[in-house]
C-alpha cells in the first residue's frame, strides 16, 4: 500500500515523501525498484518531485546499509 501511495499523483508530494520515509523505516528490499525509479541523485526540489535525500536514505536502509 505504501508503494502505491508513493506512485499516486492523487496525493501531495509532502504525503508521498512521508510514505518514502516509512518505506525506508520498514527496510523492505521489495521497495528498492520503486525507490530507485524515483531517485536520480539530483538536488531536492520539494515543489516538483520526491525528496532525493529521503529517497537516498530509504534506499540505503532497504539495502541494509547505514543511512548516508
N, C-alpha and C. Protein backbone atom coordinates (compact mmCIF):
# COMPACT_ATOMS: atom_id res chain seq x y z
N UNK A 1 0.82 -1.19 0.00
CA UNK A 1 0.00 0.00 0.00
C UNK A 1 0.87 1.26 0.00
N UNK A 2 1.97 1.25 0.74
CA UNK A 2 2.84 2.43 0.75
C UNK A 2 3.46 2.67 -0.62
N UNK A 3 3.81 1.61 -1.31
CA UNK A 3 4.41 1.78 -2.63
C UNK A 3 3.39 2.38 -3.60
N UNK A 4 2.16 1.95 -3.53
CA UNK A 4 1.11 2.53 -4.37
C UNK A 4 0.91 4.00 -4.02
N UNK A 5 1.01 4.34 -2.77
CA UNK A 5 0.86 5.72 -2.31
C UNK A 5 1.96 6.60 -2.90
N UNK A 6 3.19 6.10 -2.90
CA UNK A 6 4.31 6.86 -3.45
C UNK A 6 4.09 7.13 -4.94
N UNK A 7 3.56 6.17 -5.65
CA UNK A 7 3.34 6.31 -7.10
C UNK A 7 2.16 7.22 -7.43
N UNK A 8 1.26 7.42 -6.53
CA UNK A 8 0.00 8.11 -6.80
C UNK A 8 0.16 9.62 -6.91
N UNK A 9 -0.29 10.18 -8.02
CA UNK A 9 -0.31 11.63 -8.18
C UNK A 9 -1.51 12.25 -7.49
N UNK A 10 -2.39 11.44 -6.95
CA UNK A 10 -3.57 11.95 -6.26
C UNK A 10 -3.22 12.49 -4.86
N UNK A 11 -2.01 12.21 -4.39
CA UNK A 11 -1.59 12.65 -3.06
C UNK A 11 -0.52 13.72 -3.21
N UNK A 12 -0.39 14.56 -2.20
CA UNK A 12 0.60 15.63 -2.24
C UNK A 12 2.01 15.05 -2.17
N UNK A 13 2.96 15.82 -2.68
CA UNK A 13 4.36 15.39 -2.59
C UNK A 13 4.78 15.25 -1.13
N UNK A 14 4.28 16.10 -0.27
CA UNK A 14 4.62 16.01 1.15
C UNK A 14 4.19 14.65 1.72
N UNK A 15 2.96 14.25 1.40
CA UNK A 15 2.48 12.96 1.90
C UNK A 15 3.21 11.80 1.24
N UNK A 16 3.52 11.93 -0.03
CA UNK A 16 4.26 10.88 -0.72
C UNK A 16 5.67 10.75 -0.14
N UNK A 17 6.29 11.87 0.24
CA UNK A 17 7.60 11.83 0.88
C UNK A 17 7.53 11.13 2.23
N UNK A 18 6.44 11.32 2.93
CA UNK A 18 6.26 10.61 4.19
C UNK A 18 6.17 9.10 3.96
N UNK A 19 5.55 8.70 2.86
CA UNK A 19 5.47 7.28 2.52
C UNK A 19 6.86 6.74 2.18
N UNK A 20 7.67 7.55 1.49
CA UNK A 20 9.06 7.15 1.21
C UNK A 20 9.79 6.93 2.52
N UNK A 21 9.63 7.86 3.46
CA UNK A 21 10.28 7.73 4.76
C UNK A 21 9.85 6.42 5.44
N UNK A 22 8.54 6.14 5.41
CA UNK A 22 8.03 4.92 6.04
C UNK A 22 8.60 3.67 5.38
N UNK A 23 8.72 3.68 4.07
CA UNK A 23 9.31 2.53 3.38
C UNK A 23 10.75 2.32 3.82
N UNK A 24 11.46 3.41 4.00
CA UNK A 24 12.84 3.29 4.48
C UNK A 24 12.90 2.73 5.88
N UNK A 25 11.99 3.13 6.73
CA UNK A 25 11.98 2.61 8.10
C UNK A 25 11.65 1.12 8.12
N UNK A 26 10.80 0.69 7.20
CA UNK A 26 10.48 -0.74 7.12
C UNK A 26 11.65 -1.55 6.58
N UNK A 27 12.50 -0.91 5.77
CA UNK A 27 13.70 -1.54 5.22
C UNK A 27 13.40 -2.82 4.45
N UNK A 28 12.32 -2.82 3.72
CA UNK A 28 11.93 -3.99 2.93
C UNK A 28 12.56 -3.89 1.54
N UNK A 29 13.42 -4.83 1.18
CA UNK A 29 14.09 -4.76 -0.12
C UNK A 29 13.13 -4.80 -1.31
N UNK A 30 11.90 -5.24 -1.10
CA UNK A 30 10.94 -5.24 -2.20
C UNK A 30 10.61 -3.82 -2.67
N UNK A 31 10.89 -2.83 -1.85
CA UNK A 31 10.62 -1.44 -2.22
C UNK A 31 11.74 -0.83 -3.06
N UNK A 32 12.88 -1.50 -3.16
CA UNK A 32 14.02 -0.94 -3.88
C UNK A 32 13.72 -0.53 -5.32
N UNK A 33 13.09 -1.35 -6.14
CA UNK A 33 12.85 -0.91 -7.52
C UNK A 33 12.05 0.39 -7.61
N UNK A 34 11.06 0.54 -6.76
CA UNK A 34 10.26 1.76 -6.76
C UNK A 34 11.11 2.95 -6.32
N UNK A 35 11.81 2.82 -5.22
CA UNK A 35 12.63 3.92 -4.71
C UNK A 35 13.70 4.31 -5.72
N UNK A 36 14.35 3.34 -6.32
CA UNK A 36 15.40 3.62 -7.31
C UNK A 36 14.82 4.27 -8.56
N UNK A 37 13.59 3.98 -8.89
CA UNK A 37 12.93 4.60 -10.05
C UNK A 37 12.85 6.12 -9.87
N UNK A 38 12.56 6.57 -8.67
CA UNK A 38 12.39 8.00 -8.41
C UNK A 38 13.69 8.71 -8.03
N UNK A 39 14.71 7.96 -7.71
CA UNK A 39 15.98 8.56 -7.26
C UNK A 39 16.90 8.82 -8.45
N UNK A 40 17.36 10.08 -8.57
CA UNK A 40 18.33 10.38 -9.62
C UNK A 40 19.58 11.07 -9.06
N UNK A 41 19.59 11.28 -7.75
CA UNK A 41 20.77 11.86 -7.11
C UNK A 41 20.90 13.36 -7.27
N UNK A 42 19.94 13.97 -7.91
CA UNK A 42 19.98 15.42 -8.10
C UNK A 42 19.59 16.17 -6.84
N UNK A 43 19.56 17.49 -6.94
CA UNK A 43 19.17 18.28 -5.77
C UNK A 43 17.68 18.13 -5.47
N UNK A 44 17.33 18.34 -4.24
CA UNK A 44 15.92 18.25 -3.85
C UNK A 44 15.15 19.43 -4.43
N UNK A 45 13.95 19.16 -4.86
CA UNK A 45 13.02 20.19 -5.33
C UNK A 45 11.65 19.76 -4.83
N UNK A 46 11.38 20.08 -3.58
CA UNK A 46 10.16 19.58 -2.92
C UNK A 46 8.88 20.08 -3.54
N UNK A 47 8.95 21.08 -4.38
CA UNK A 47 7.74 21.59 -5.04
C UNK A 47 7.39 20.79 -6.28
N UNK A 48 8.36 20.04 -6.81
CA UNK A 48 8.12 19.37 -8.10
C UNK A 48 8.32 17.86 -8.10
N UNK A 49 9.06 17.34 -7.13
CA UNK A 49 9.34 15.89 -7.15
C UNK A 49 9.67 15.38 -5.76
N UNK A 50 9.76 14.08 -5.66
CA UNK A 50 10.05 13.46 -4.37
C UNK A 50 11.43 13.86 -3.88
N UNK A 51 11.56 13.93 -2.57
CA UNK A 51 12.80 14.35 -1.93
C UNK A 51 13.92 13.34 -2.21
N UNK A 52 14.95 13.81 -2.87
CA UNK A 52 16.07 12.94 -3.21
C UNK A 52 16.83 12.49 -1.96
N UNK A 53 16.90 13.34 -0.97
CA UNK A 53 17.58 12.98 0.29
C UNK A 53 16.85 11.82 0.99
N UNK A 54 15.53 11.92 1.08
CA UNK A 54 14.75 10.84 1.72
C UNK A 54 14.82 9.57 0.90
N UNK A 55 14.79 9.70 -0.41
CA UNK A 55 14.92 8.51 -1.26
C UNK A 55 16.26 7.84 -1.04
N UNK A 56 17.34 8.63 -0.97
CA UNK A 56 18.68 8.06 -0.77
C UNK A 56 18.75 7.32 0.56
N UNK A 57 18.19 7.90 1.61
CA UNK A 57 18.20 7.24 2.92
C UNK A 57 17.37 5.96 2.89
N UNK A 58 16.21 6.01 2.26
CA UNK A 58 15.33 4.83 2.20
C UNK A 58 16.00 3.71 1.41
N UNK A 59 16.66 4.05 0.33
CA UNK A 59 17.36 3.04 -0.48
C UNK A 59 18.46 2.38 0.36
N UNK A 60 19.22 3.18 1.06
CA UNK A 60 20.30 2.62 1.91
C UNK A 60 19.72 1.67 2.95
N UNK A 61 18.65 2.05 3.60
CA UNK A 61 18.05 1.18 4.61
C UNK A 61 17.54 -0.12 4.01
N UNK A 62 16.93 -0.03 2.84
CA UNK A 62 16.40 -1.24 2.18
C UNK A 62 17.53 -2.15 1.73
N UNK A 63 18.69 -1.58 1.49
CA UNK A 63 19.86 -2.38 1.13
C UNK A 63 20.62 -2.85 2.37
N UNK A 64 20.09 -2.52 3.54
CA UNK A 64 20.69 -2.89 4.83
C UNK A 64 22.04 -2.22 5.02
N UNK A 65 22.18 -0.98 4.49
CA UNK A 65 23.38 -0.19 4.65
C UNK A 65 23.08 0.93 5.64
N UNK A 66 24.10 1.47 6.27
CA UNK A 66 23.85 2.61 7.15
C UNK A 66 23.37 3.80 6.32
N UNK A 67 22.41 4.56 6.84
CA UNK A 67 21.93 5.70 6.07
C UNK A 67 23.03 6.73 5.84
N UNK A 68 23.00 7.37 4.70
CA UNK A 68 24.05 8.38 4.40
C UNK A 68 23.93 9.61 5.28
